[in-house]
């Protein structure tokens, strides 16, 4: 079964260091652990998150598919 995970601002946790003033929190840690647990159980996890330099826009491996999208920084856009 395929599961979509939304709400994580970065993947893996800590990827935004130096680009975003707010560090990873509980959602990023949970999304990472949940995706790994799903993959270990034979499911496929799809994570949609923000793209930070020098990350790839798309990655797939070990049952986890990551789609990174462009975003604009700003107080009202968070």
C-alpha atoms as a PDB file:
ATOM      1  CA  UNK A   1       0.000   0.000   0.000  1.00  0.00           C
ATOM      2  CA  UNK A   2       1.193   3.534  -0.718  1.00  0.00           C
ATOM      3  CA  UNK A   3       0.973   6.268   1.959  1.00  0.00           C
ATOM      4  CA  UNK A   4       1.305  10.031   1.397  1.00  0.00           C
ATOM      5  CA  UNK A   5       2.976  12.004   4.188  1.00  0.00           C
ATOM      6  CA  UNK A   6       2.450  15.788   4.262  1.00  0.00           C
ATOM      7  CA  UNK A   7       3.376  18.464   6.792  1.00  0.00           C
ATOM      8  CA  UNK A   8       7.103  17.877   7.079  1.00  0.00           C
ATOM      9  CA  UNK A   9       8.965  21.050   6.084  1.00  0.00           C
ATOM     10  CA  UNK A  10      12.143  19.128   5.264  1.00  0.00           C
ATOM     11  CA  UNK A  11      13.405  15.626   4.735  1.00  0.00           C
ATOM     12  CA  UNK A  12      15.573  14.360   6.261  1.00  0.00           C
ATOM     13  CA  UNK A  13      15.318  16.325   9.503  1.00  0.00           C
ATOM     14  CA  UNK A  14      17.970  19.050   9.676  1.00  0.00           C
ATOM     15  CA  UNK A  15      18.217  19.511   5.891  1.00  0.00           C
ATOM     16  CA  UNK A  16      17.197  23.176   6.144  1.00  0.00           C
ATOM     17  CA  UNK A  17      20.058  24.130   8.451  1.00  0.00           C
ATOM     18  CA  UNK A  18      21.572  27.358   7.187  1.00  0.00           C
ATOM     19  CA  UNK A  19      18.573  28.108   4.936  1.00  0.00           C
ATOM     20  CA  UNK A  20      15.689  28.390   7.422  1.00  0.00           C
ATOM     21  CA  UNK A  21      15.896  30.086  10.803  1.00  0.00           C
ATOM     22  CA  UNK A  22      13.505  27.545  12.347  1.00  0.00           C
ATOM     23  CA  UNK A  23      15.000  24.138  13.020  1.00  0.00           C
ATOM     24  CA  UNK A  24      13.305  20.789  12.519  1.00  0.00           C
ATOM     25  CA  UNK A  25      10.690  19.812  15.018  1.00  0.00           C
ATOM     26  CA  UNK A  26       8.434  16.954  15.954  1.00  0.00           C
ATOM     27  CA  UNK A  27       6.674  16.631  12.590  1.00  0.00           C
ATOM     28  CA  UNK A  28       9.939  16.173  10.713  1.00  0.00           C
ATOM     29  CA  UNK A  29      11.183  13.581  13.201  1.00  0.00           C
ATOM     30  CA  UNK A  30       7.838  11.767  13.114  1.00  0.00           C
ATOM     31  CA  UNK A  31       7.635  11.800   9.295  1.00  0.00           C
ATOM     32  CA  UNK A  32      11.131  10.316   9.067  1.00  0.00           C
ATOM     33  CA  UNK A  33      10.405   7.535  11.581  1.00  0.00           C
ATOM     34  CA  UNK A  34       6.931   6.840  10.150  1.00  0.00           C
ATOM     35  CA  UNK A  35       8.231   6.569   6.573  1.00  0.00           C
ATOM     36  CA  UNK A  36      10.925   4.131   7.675  1.00  0.00           C
ATOM     37  CA  UNK A  37       8.412   2.046   9.649  1.00  0.00           C
ATOM     38  CA  UNK A  38       6.066   1.879   6.645  1.00  0.00           C
ATOM     39  CA  UNK A  39       8.919   0.831   4.358  1.00  0.00           C
ATOM     40  CA  UNK A  40      10.069  -1.821   6.844  1.00  0.00           C
ATOM     41  CA  UNK A  41       6.511  -3.208   6.896  1.00  0.00           C
ATOM     42  CA  UNK A  42       6.554  -3.563   3.108  1.00  0.00           C
ATOM     43  CA  UNK A  43       4.587  -0.414   2.262  1.00  0.00           C
ATOM     44  CA  UNK A  44       5.656   2.579   0.206  1.00  0.00           C
ATOM     45  CA  UNK A  45       5.845   6.048   1.751  1.00  0.00           C
ATOM     46  CA  UNK A  46       5.624   9.202  -0.363  1.00  0.00           C
ATOM     47  CA  UNK A  47       6.800  12.422   1.296  1.00  0.00           C
ATOM     48  CA  UNK A  48       6.158  15.868  -0.182  1.00  0.00           C
ATOM     49  CA  UNK A  49       8.389  18.493   1.397  1.00  0.00           C
ATOM     50  CA  UNK A  50      10.383  21.655   0.637  1.00  0.00           C
ATOM     51  CA  UNK A  51      13.463  21.749  -1.580  1.00  0.00           C
ATOM     52  CA  UNK A  52      16.671  23.118  -0.055  1.00  0.00           C
ATOM     53  CA  UNK A  53      20.040  23.445  -1.788  1.00  0.00           C
ATOM     54  CA  UNK A  54      21.791  21.116  -2.696  1.00  0.00           C
ATOM     55  CA  UNK A  55      19.025  18.486  -2.445  1.00  0.00           C
ATOM     56  CA  UNK A  56      17.569  16.608  -5.382  1.00  0.00           C
ATOM     57  CA  UNK A  57      13.990  17.414  -6.354  1.00  0.00           C
ATOM     58  CA  UNK A  58      13.100  13.708  -6.475  1.00  0.00           C
ATOM     59  CA  UNK A  59      14.565  10.695  -4.702  1.00  0.00           C
ATOM     60  CA  UNK A  60      13.402   7.121  -4.296  1.00  0.00           C
ATOM     61  CA  UNK A  61      14.948   4.311  -2.328  1.00  0.00           C
ATOM     62  CA  UNK A  62      14.263   1.741   0.369  1.00  0.00           C
ATOM     63  CA  UNK A  63      10.492   2.088  -0.006  1.00  0.00           C
ATOM     64  CA  UNK A  64      10.521   5.874   0.493  1.00  0.00           C
ATOM     65  CA  UNK A  65       9.749   8.309  -2.329  1.00  0.00           C
ATOM     66  CA  UNK A  66      10.579  11.977  -1.729  1.00  0.00           C
ATOM     67  CA  UNK A  67       9.218  14.859  -3.824  1.00  0.00           C
ATOM     68  CA  UNK A  68      10.704  18.240  -2.976  1.00  0.00           C
ATOM     69  CA  UNK A  69       8.975  21.409  -4.136  1.00  0.00           C
ATOM     70  CA  UNK A  70      10.159  25.008  -4.437  1.00  0.00           C
ATOM     71  CA  UNK A  71       8.926  27.437  -1.795  1.00  0.00           C
ATOM     72  CA  UNK A  72       9.088  31.128  -0.940  1.00  0.00           C
ATOM     73  CA  UNK A  73      10.359  32.298   2.409  1.00  0.00           C
ATOM     74  CA  UNK A  74       8.240  34.816   4.248  1.00  0.00           C
ATOM     75  CA  UNK A  75       6.309  35.346   7.462  1.00  0.00           C
ATOM     76  CA  UNK A  76       2.847  35.031   5.892  1.00  0.00           C
ATOM     77  CA  UNK A  77       3.851  32.086   3.686  1.00  0.00           C
ATOM     78  CA  UNK A  78       4.855  29.765   6.500  1.00  0.00           C
END
